Protein backbone atom coordinates (compact mmCIF):
# COMPACT_ATOMS: atom_id res chain seq x y z
CA MET A 1 -21.32 -93.85 68.15
CA PHE A 2 -22.28 -96.08 65.05
CA THR A 3 -25.85 -94.75 66.21
CA ARG A 4 -25.18 -91.02 66.36
CA VAL A 5 -23.60 -91.39 62.67
CA VAL A 6 -27.29 -93.14 61.67
CA VAL A 7 -29.18 -90.69 63.27
CA VAL A 8 -27.17 -87.62 61.18
CA LEU A 9 -27.38 -89.10 58.17
CA LEU A 10 -31.21 -89.60 58.80
CA ILE A 11 -31.58 -85.88 59.54
CA PHE A 12 -29.64 -84.75 55.90
CA VAL A 13 -32.02 -87.34 54.08
CA ILE A 14 -35.24 -86.10 56.03
CA GLY A 15 -33.98 -82.52 55.00
CA ALA A 16 -33.18 -83.33 51.50
CA PHE A 17 -36.52 -84.58 50.86
CA LEU A 18 -38.69 -81.86 52.48
CA GLY A 19 -36.33 -79.08 50.36
CA ALA A 20 -37.18 -81.16 46.72
CA TYR A 21 -40.76 -81.58 47.54
CA LEU A 22 -42.20 -78.70 50.04
CA GLY A 23 -39.86 -76.02 48.36
CA PRO A 24 -41.42 -75.03 45.30
CA PRO A 25 -44.97 -74.39 46.63
CA PHE A 26 -43.55 -72.01 49.15
CA SER A 27 -41.09 -70.13 46.62
CA SER A 28 -44.14 -69.74 43.95
CA GLY A 29 -45.74 -67.11 46.16
CA PHE A 30 -42.92 -64.99 45.23
CA PHE A 31 -42.06 -65.78 41.86
CA GLY A 32 -43.92 -66.34 38.52
CA ILE A 33 -44.44 -69.80 36.98
CA ASP A 34 -41.25 -68.98 34.86
CA GLY A 35 -39.32 -68.02 37.86
CA LYS A 36 -39.09 -64.11 37.19
CA ASN A 37 -40.47 -61.67 39.22
CA LEU A 38 -43.87 -60.54 38.86
CA PRO A 39 -44.27 -56.95 37.65
CA ILE A 40 -45.03 -54.63 40.03
CA ALA A 41 -49.09 -54.15 39.66
CA GLU A 42 -49.32 -57.74 40.07
CA MET A 43 -47.53 -58.00 43.26
CA ASP A 44 -49.38 -55.03 44.74
CA ALA A 45 -52.51 -56.80 43.77
CA GLN A 46 -51.31 -60.22 45.54
CA ALA A 47 -50.41 -58.45 48.53
CA THR A 48 -53.61 -56.73 48.57
CA SER A 49 -55.63 -59.97 48.05
CA ALA A 50 -53.36 -61.63 50.90
CA THR A 51 -54.28 -59.12 53.50
CA ASN A 52 -57.77 -58.98 52.66
CA ASP A 53 -59.39 -62.06 54.32
CA ASP A 54 -62.78 -60.80 53.88
CA GLY A 55 -62.99 -60.49 50.02
CA ALA A 56 -59.69 -61.06 48.59
CA ALA A 57 -61.04 -62.86 45.50
CA SER A 58 -63.64 -60.05 44.61
CA GLN A 59 -60.88 -57.59 45.24
CA SER A 60 -58.55 -58.62 42.85
CA GLU A 61 -61.36 -59.43 40.00
CA SER A 62 -62.66 -55.50 40.27
CA ALA A 63 -59.75 -53.40 40.42
CA VAL A 64 -56.56 -53.04 38.39
CA VAL A 65 -53.36 -51.55 40.59
CA ALA A 66 -50.97 -49.67 38.74
CA LEU A 67 -48.16 -47.04 39.43
CA GLY A 68 -48.46 -43.87 37.87
CA ARG A 69 -47.60 -39.93 38.19
CA LEU A 70 -49.46 -36.95 38.36
CA GLN A 71 -49.07 -34.41 35.68
CA PRO A 72 -51.07 -31.46 34.18
CA LYS A 73 -53.54 -31.68 31.62
CA GLY A 74 -51.28 -31.48 28.31
CA LYS A 75 -48.28 -31.97 30.30
CA THR A 76 -45.55 -29.64 30.96
CA ILE A 77 -44.32 -26.84 28.43
CA THR A 78 -40.85 -25.59 28.75
CA LEU A 79 -40.69 -21.88 26.93
CA ALA A 80 -37.73 -21.32 24.87
CA ALA A 81 -36.03 -18.27 23.52
CA PRO A 82 -37.96 -17.04 20.60
CA PHE A 83 -36.55 -17.68 17.05
CA GLY A 84 -33.95 -15.27 16.14
CA ALA A 85 -33.13 -14.32 19.27
CA SER A 86 -29.50 -15.22 18.92
CA ASP A 87 -27.22 -14.36 21.74
CA ALA A 88 -29.78 -12.07 23.65
CA ARG A 89 -29.75 -12.71 27.26
CA ILE A 90 -32.43 -12.21 29.86
CA ALA A 91 -33.11 -8.92 30.97
CA SER A 92 -36.17 -9.39 33.19
CA LEU A 93 -38.49 -11.78 34.48
CA LEU A 94 -42.06 -10.67 35.04
CA VAL A 95 -43.33 -13.69 36.48
CA ASP A 96 -42.37 -16.28 39.48
CA GLU A 97 -42.85 -19.88 40.29
CA GLY A 98 -46.16 -20.05 41.49
CA ASP A 99 -47.57 -17.30 39.17
CA HIS A 100 -50.71 -17.82 37.06
CA VAL A 101 -50.29 -16.54 33.41
CA THR A 102 -52.71 -16.15 30.24
CA ILE A 103 -51.97 -16.95 26.99
CA GLY A 104 -50.20 -13.83 25.07
CA GLN A 105 -48.93 -12.64 28.20
CA THR A 106 -45.46 -11.12 28.35
CA VAL A 107 -43.47 -13.05 30.53
CA ALA A 108 -39.63 -12.07 30.55
CA GLU A 109 -38.09 -9.61 28.33
CA LEU A 110 -34.52 -9.95 26.76
CA ASP A 111 -31.37 -7.55 26.50
CA SER A 112 -32.08 -7.07 22.82
CA LEU A 113 -35.52 -5.61 22.98
CA PRO A 114 -34.38 -1.78 23.65
CA SER A 115 -32.40 -1.88 20.11
CA LEU A 116 -35.43 -3.61 18.66
CA GLN A 117 -37.86 -0.94 20.02
CA LEU A 118 -35.67 1.40 18.55
CA ALA A 119 -35.55 0.16 14.99
CA VAL A 120 -39.43 0.66 15.18
CA GLU A 121 -39.13 4.26 16.46
CA SER A 122 -36.93 4.65 13.48
CA ALA A 123 -39.40 3.19 11.19
CA LEU A 124 -41.86 5.31 12.11
CA VAL A 125 -40.02 8.53 11.90
CA ASN A 126 -39.21 7.26 8.39
CA ILE A 127 -42.92 7.02 7.27
CA SER A 128 -43.42 10.46 8.37
CA ALA A 129 -40.54 11.47 6.24
CA LYS A 130 -41.66 9.29 3.29
CA GLU A 131 -45.25 10.66 3.68
CA ALA A 132 -44.21 14.64 3.74
CA ALA A 133 -41.90 13.54 0.64
CA LEU A 134 -45.12 12.35 -0.91
CA ALA A 135 -47.04 15.37 -0.18
CA GLN A 136 -44.34 17.49 -1.60
CA THR A 137 -44.19 15.35 -4.99
CA ARG A 138 -47.77 15.81 -5.44
CA ALA A 139 -47.58 19.23 -5.12
CA MET A 140 -44.53 19.74 -7.08
CA VAL A 141 -46.37 17.51 -10.03
CA ALA A 142 -49.41 19.73 -9.75
CA ALA A 143 -47.22 23.22 -10.16
CA SER A 144 -45.09 21.53 -12.72
CA LEU A 145 -48.29 20.69 -14.56
CA SER A 146 -49.85 23.97 -14.65
CA GLU A 147 -46.85 25.73 -15.36
CA ALA A 148 -46.50 23.43 -18.35
CA GLU A 149 -49.80 24.33 -19.13
CA ALA A 150 -49.12 28.02 -18.89
CA ASN A 151 -46.15 27.71 -21.22
CA ARG A 152 -48.17 25.81 -23.47
CA ASP A 153 -51.01 28.70 -23.92
CA ARG A 154 -47.95 31.36 -24.60
CA ALA A 155 -46.08 29.11 -27.04
CA LEU A 156 -49.35 28.61 -29.00
CA ALA A 157 -50.11 32.28 -28.85
CA ALA A 158 -46.55 33.07 -29.93
CA VAL A 159 -46.87 30.37 -32.97
CA GLN A 160 -50.03 31.74 -33.95
CA LEU A 161 -48.40 35.75 -33.87
CA ALA A 162 -45.20 34.18 -35.75
CA ARG A 163 -47.37 32.58 -38.65
CA GLN A 164 -49.34 35.67 -39.06
CA ALA A 165 -45.78 37.87 -39.44
CA LEU A 166 -44.54 35.22 -41.81
CA GLU A 167 -47.23 35.58 -43.90
CA ARG A 168 -47.22 39.46 -43.71
CA GLU A 169 -43.71 39.60 -44.82
CA ARG A 170 -44.27 36.90 -47.75
CA SER A 171 -46.63 39.66 -48.90
CA LEU A 172 -44.54 42.31 -48.27
CA SER A 173 -41.90 39.94 -49.97
CA LEU A 174 -43.69 39.14 -53.45
CA GLY A 175 -44.50 43.44 -53.74
CA GLY A 176 -40.98 44.00 -53.00
CA ALA A 177 -41.68 45.78 -49.94
CA SER A 178 -39.76 43.66 -47.52
CA SER A 179 -35.84 42.38 -48.01
CA ARG A 180 -35.23 38.94 -48.04
CA SER A 181 -33.72 38.98 -44.38
CA THR A 182 -36.65 40.16 -43.21
CA LEU A 183 -38.48 36.97 -44.34
CA GLN A 184 -35.91 34.64 -42.99
CA SER A 185 -36.08 36.16 -39.77
CA ALA A 186 -39.84 35.80 -39.78
CA GLU A 187 -39.69 32.28 -40.70
CA ALA A 188 -37.10 31.62 -37.66
CA THR A 189 -39.35 33.24 -35.29
CA LEU A 190 -42.51 30.47 -36.19
CA ALA A 191 -39.65 28.04 -36.11
CA GLN A 192 -39.01 28.94 -32.53
CA SER A 193 -42.31 29.27 -31.40
CA THR A 194 -43.47 26.05 -32.85
CA SER A 195 -40.20 24.30 -30.66
CA ASP A 196 -41.71 26.02 -27.65
CA LEU A 197 -44.88 24.83 -28.28
CA ALA A 198 -43.54 21.25 -28.60
CA LYS A 199 -41.67 21.62 -25.33
CA ALA A 200 -44.51 22.85 -23.35
CA ASP A 201 -46.56 19.98 -25.13
CA ALA A 202 -43.91 17.24 -23.92
CA SER A 203 -44.01 19.18 -20.24
CA ILE A 204 -47.56 18.44 -19.96
CA VAL A 205 -47.63 14.78 -21.00
CA ARG A 206 -44.38 14.54 -18.23
CA TYR A 207 -46.53 15.70 -15.42
CA GLN A 208 -49.93 14.56 -16.57
CA SER A 209 -50.97 11.14 -15.48
CA ALA A 210 -52.86 8.57 -18.19
CA PRO A 211 -56.16 7.49 -17.17
CA GLY A 212 -56.16 4.88 -14.46
CA THR A 213 -52.54 5.17 -13.96
CA LEU A 214 -50.42 7.51 -11.13
CA GLN A 215 -48.11 9.96 -12.50
CA SER A 216 -44.65 8.54 -12.26
CA ASP A 217 -43.06 10.94 -9.88
CA ILE A 218 -45.89 10.45 -7.46
CA GLU A 219 -45.95 6.68 -7.90
CA VAL A 220 -42.36 6.32 -7.07
CA ALA A 221 -42.81 8.58 -3.63
CA GLU A 222 -46.04 6.35 -3.09
CA ARG A 223 -43.90 3.21 -3.56
CA ASN A 224 -41.01 4.74 -1.26
CA LEU A 225 -43.73 5.15 1.10
CA ASP A 226 -44.96 1.39 0.97
CA LEU A 227 -41.59 0.38 1.70
CA ALA A 228 -41.16 2.34 4.74
CA LYS A 229 -44.25 0.87 5.49
CA ALA A 230 -43.27 -2.77 5.23
CA GLU A 231 -40.13 -2.07 7.14
CA LEU A 232 -42.06 -0.43 9.68
CA ALA A 233 -44.09 -4.13 10.07
CA THR A 234 -40.88 -5.89 10.02
CA ALA A 235 -39.78 -3.92 12.99
CA ARG A 236 -42.80 -4.71 14.89
CA ASP A 237 -42.39 -8.35 14.16
CA ASN A 238 -39.10 -8.32 15.40
CA LEU A 239 -40.31 -7.23 18.41
CA SER A 240 -41.55 -10.78 19.46
CA LYS A 241 -37.30 -11.76 19.41
CA GLY A 242 -37.27 -9.63 22.38
CA VAL A 243 -40.03 -10.75 24.45
CA VAL A 244 -41.10 -14.09 26.11
CA ILE A 245 -44.67 -14.84 25.68
CA SER A 246 -46.69 -17.42 27.03
CA PRO A 247 -48.46 -19.72 24.87
CA ILE A 248 -50.89 -21.22 27.51
CA SER A 249 -52.97 -20.11 30.26
CA GLY A 250 -51.37 -21.82 33.32
CA THR A 251 -49.03 -21.99 36.12
CA VAL A 252 -45.29 -21.26 36.51
CA ILE A 253 -44.21 -24.59 37.65
CA ALA A 254 -40.38 -23.76 37.16
CA ILE A 255 -37.66 -20.90 36.58
CA ASN A 256 -35.13 -22.42 34.71
CA SER A 257 -32.95 -19.16 33.82
CA ARG A 258 -32.29 -16.02 35.43
CA PRO A 259 -31.60 -12.00 34.25
CA GLY A 260 -28.10 -11.72 32.95
CA GLU A 261 -28.14 -15.46 31.71
CA ARG A 262 -28.53 -16.75 28.30
CA PRO A 263 -31.43 -18.88 28.03
CA ALA A 264 -30.35 -22.26 29.29
CA SER A 265 -30.86 -25.37 27.25
CA PRO A 266 -34.05 -26.54 29.62
CA GLY A 267 -35.51 -23.31 28.48
CA ILE A 268 -36.39 -20.01 30.49
CA MET A 269 -39.19 -21.38 32.22
CA THR A 270 -41.65 -24.25 32.58
CA LEU A 271 -45.54 -23.74 32.40
CA ALA A 272 -48.40 -26.40 32.84
CA ASP A 273 -52.38 -25.81 33.26
CA THR A 274 -52.14 -27.38 36.95
CA ASP A 275 -56.13 -26.40 37.04
CA HIS A 276 -56.53 -29.77 35.16
CA MET A 277 -54.46 -32.38 36.38
CA GLN A 278 -54.36 -36.03 35.52
CA VAL A 279 -52.63 -39.27 36.45
CA GLU A 280 -50.76 -41.35 33.52
CA LEU A 281 -50.75 -44.85 34.78
CA GLU A 282 -48.74 -47.69 33.51
CA VAL A 283 -51.01 -50.60 33.65
CA TYR A 284 -49.23 -54.05 32.95
CA GLN A 285 -50.01 -55.44 29.48
CA THR A 286 -51.94 -58.30 30.47
CA ASP A 287 -54.03 -56.21 32.38
CA ILE A 288 -54.87 -53.76 29.74
CA ARG A 289 -57.87 -55.95 28.74
CA ARG A 290 -59.78 -54.93 31.57
CA ILE A 291 -59.27 -51.06 31.07
CA ALA A 292 -61.83 -49.03 29.41
CA ILE A 293 -62.94 -45.44 28.77
CA GLY A 294 -64.99 -44.22 31.62
CA GLN A 295 -63.93 -46.43 34.31
CA THR A 296 -63.32 -44.73 38.09
CA VAL A 297 -59.74 -44.81 39.13
CA ILE A 298 -58.75 -44.14 42.97
CA VAL A 299 -55.49 -42.64 43.57
CA SER A 300 -53.62 -42.70 46.57
CA SER A 301 -49.76 -41.72 48.14
CA PRO A 302 -48.24 -41.04 50.96
CA ALA A 303 -47.91 -37.77 50.08
CA LEU A 304 -51.62 -37.07 49.84
CA SER A 305 -53.69 -35.80 52.60
CA GLN A 306 -56.56 -38.00 50.77
CA GLU A 307 -57.34 -40.23 48.09
CA LEU A 308 -57.98 -38.47 44.93
CA GLU A 309 -60.57 -39.91 42.32
CA GLY A 310 -60.82 -39.36 38.44
CA SER A 311 -61.87 -41.67 35.28
CA VAL A 312 -59.93 -42.95 32.47
CA THR A 313 -59.99 -40.94 29.45
CA LEU A 314 -57.08 -42.34 27.27
CA ILE A 315 -55.57 -45.98 26.54
CA GLY A 316 -52.46 -45.67 25.06
CA TYR A 317 -51.71 -47.30 21.67
CA GLU A 318 -48.23 -48.77 22.20
CA VAL A 319 -46.71 -51.30 24.71
CA GLU A 320 -43.55 -49.67 26.43
CA GLN A 321 -40.99 -50.30 28.97
CA GLN A 322 -42.04 -49.48 32.42
CA THR A 323 -40.40 -46.18 33.96
CA VAL A 324 -42.52 -45.98 37.16
CA LEU A 325 -40.36 -48.18 39.64
CA SER A 326 -41.43 -49.63 42.86
CA ALA A 327 -39.46 -49.42 46.00
CA ASP A 328 -39.82 -53.09 46.61
CA PRO A 329 -36.36 -54.88 45.42
CA ALA A 330 -37.95 -57.94 44.20
CA ALA A 331 -40.36 -56.12 41.73
CA ASN A 332 -39.41 -56.50 37.97
CA THR A 333 -37.94 -53.28 36.82
CA ASP A 334 -38.32 -54.47 32.99
CA ALA A 335 -42.12 -55.03 32.87
CA ARG A 336 -43.85 -54.23 29.79
CA VAL A 337 -46.78 -51.65 30.05
CA VAL A 338 -49.40 -49.49 28.20
CA ARG A 339 -50.02 -46.14 29.43
CA VAL A 340 -53.63 -44.90 30.80
CA THR A 341 -54.47 -41.47 31.32
CA THR A 342 -56.82 -40.83 33.95
CA HIS A 343 -58.28 -37.47 34.30
CA LEU A 344 -59.01 -36.45 37.95
CA ASP A 345 -62.19 -34.30 39.13
CA PRO A 346 -62.04 -30.79 39.99
CA PRO A 347 -61.46 -31.49 44.03
CA SER A 348 -58.70 -33.70 43.28
CA SER A 349 -57.23 -31.21 40.60
CA ALA A 350 -57.04 -28.83 43.16
CA LEU A 351 -55.26 -31.19 45.76
CA ALA A 352 -52.97 -32.36 42.93
CA ALA A 353 -52.04 -28.54 41.82
CA LYS A 354 -48.75 -28.54 43.62
CA LEU A 355 -47.52 -32.04 43.48
CA THR A 356 -46.90 -32.55 39.37
CA GLY A 357 -44.65 -35.70 39.10
CA LEU A 358 -45.70 -37.27 42.25
CA GLU A 359 -45.32 -41.03 42.12
CA VAL A 360 -49.02 -42.12 42.84
CA MET A 361 -50.75 -45.75 43.09
CA GLY A 362 -54.00 -45.95 40.87
CA ARG A 363 -56.93 -48.41 41.49
CA VAL A 364 -58.74 -48.73 38.47
CA ALA A 365 -62.15 -50.74 39.21
CA VAL A 366 -62.80 -52.47 36.30
CA GLY A 367 -65.46 -55.09 37.65
CA LYS A 368 -66.47 -58.22 35.93
CA ASP A 369 -68.03 -56.74 32.80
CA HIS A 370 -64.65 -55.71 31.53
CA GLU A 371 -62.93 -59.14 31.74
């Protein structure tokens, strides 16, 4: 009995010894020096090195592994309702998901468009009316000027006759051959003729323009026409509030609002330039020193029929928190990363065109020259 107790105690002592001295080396393969989980990219790189017996060291030295997402060049664009659309609803969609659109193309119409078009037609009619009024004013001014000039000629002739008659009556009055009343009548006739001449001269000034200026009535009519043209320009500009225009050439990724609905907060539709796809990799902060513009990147995913290829075109300027997470439960979900943009070559872009947002694995061929 005593022997059995001694054996059991020896087993416990040996087990404690092995756990104290042999445990850390085994656990160091899964945790970092400080006991925290390794970043996803480093874990994937270690896994790759562990499985390649014929070149594990060169594999980890020649590539940086990082997770990322497929996205179009320039990312996606969400089309909102035009400024000033107010409570307008969608009347019709002129495109569908997957359709290719060009810059400036009308992709949707709002139910406010008919009233805006009516405002344009009304402005056009108003311009026609103002043009007719201007033509009428010009004709009236010309006729009034001619009439005023004719009246002046008659008044001038009447003044000359009245002066001659007054001089004759004065001569007769001095000789006693004419009465005082007759003389006074001749003087009144001259005064009336003079007044008529002044009135005719004033009419000529009224309908005659000064050098380098417009006649006042014609100028008012022309300004009214200018105002009508400005109202037409405003009405035509307001037409943009009734339609939705594509700001880019690309593909309709998603329709977010349907006819009869007010444009949703996510916008009416989402557009992207899927002809030029790229990958945004999240490279761990300690590996970013090994990344350089122009390096080749191989992209893979179970959703892809083959690997994609591209090159590094942009290295971010900010260290951020990781957003693309691995399915490994032991992965570090709070890693600090730098975003690295990779443009895919044309064949790869064609394969990735319909997979915006796909999570992928990227291997950047860095080589020893960039370490």
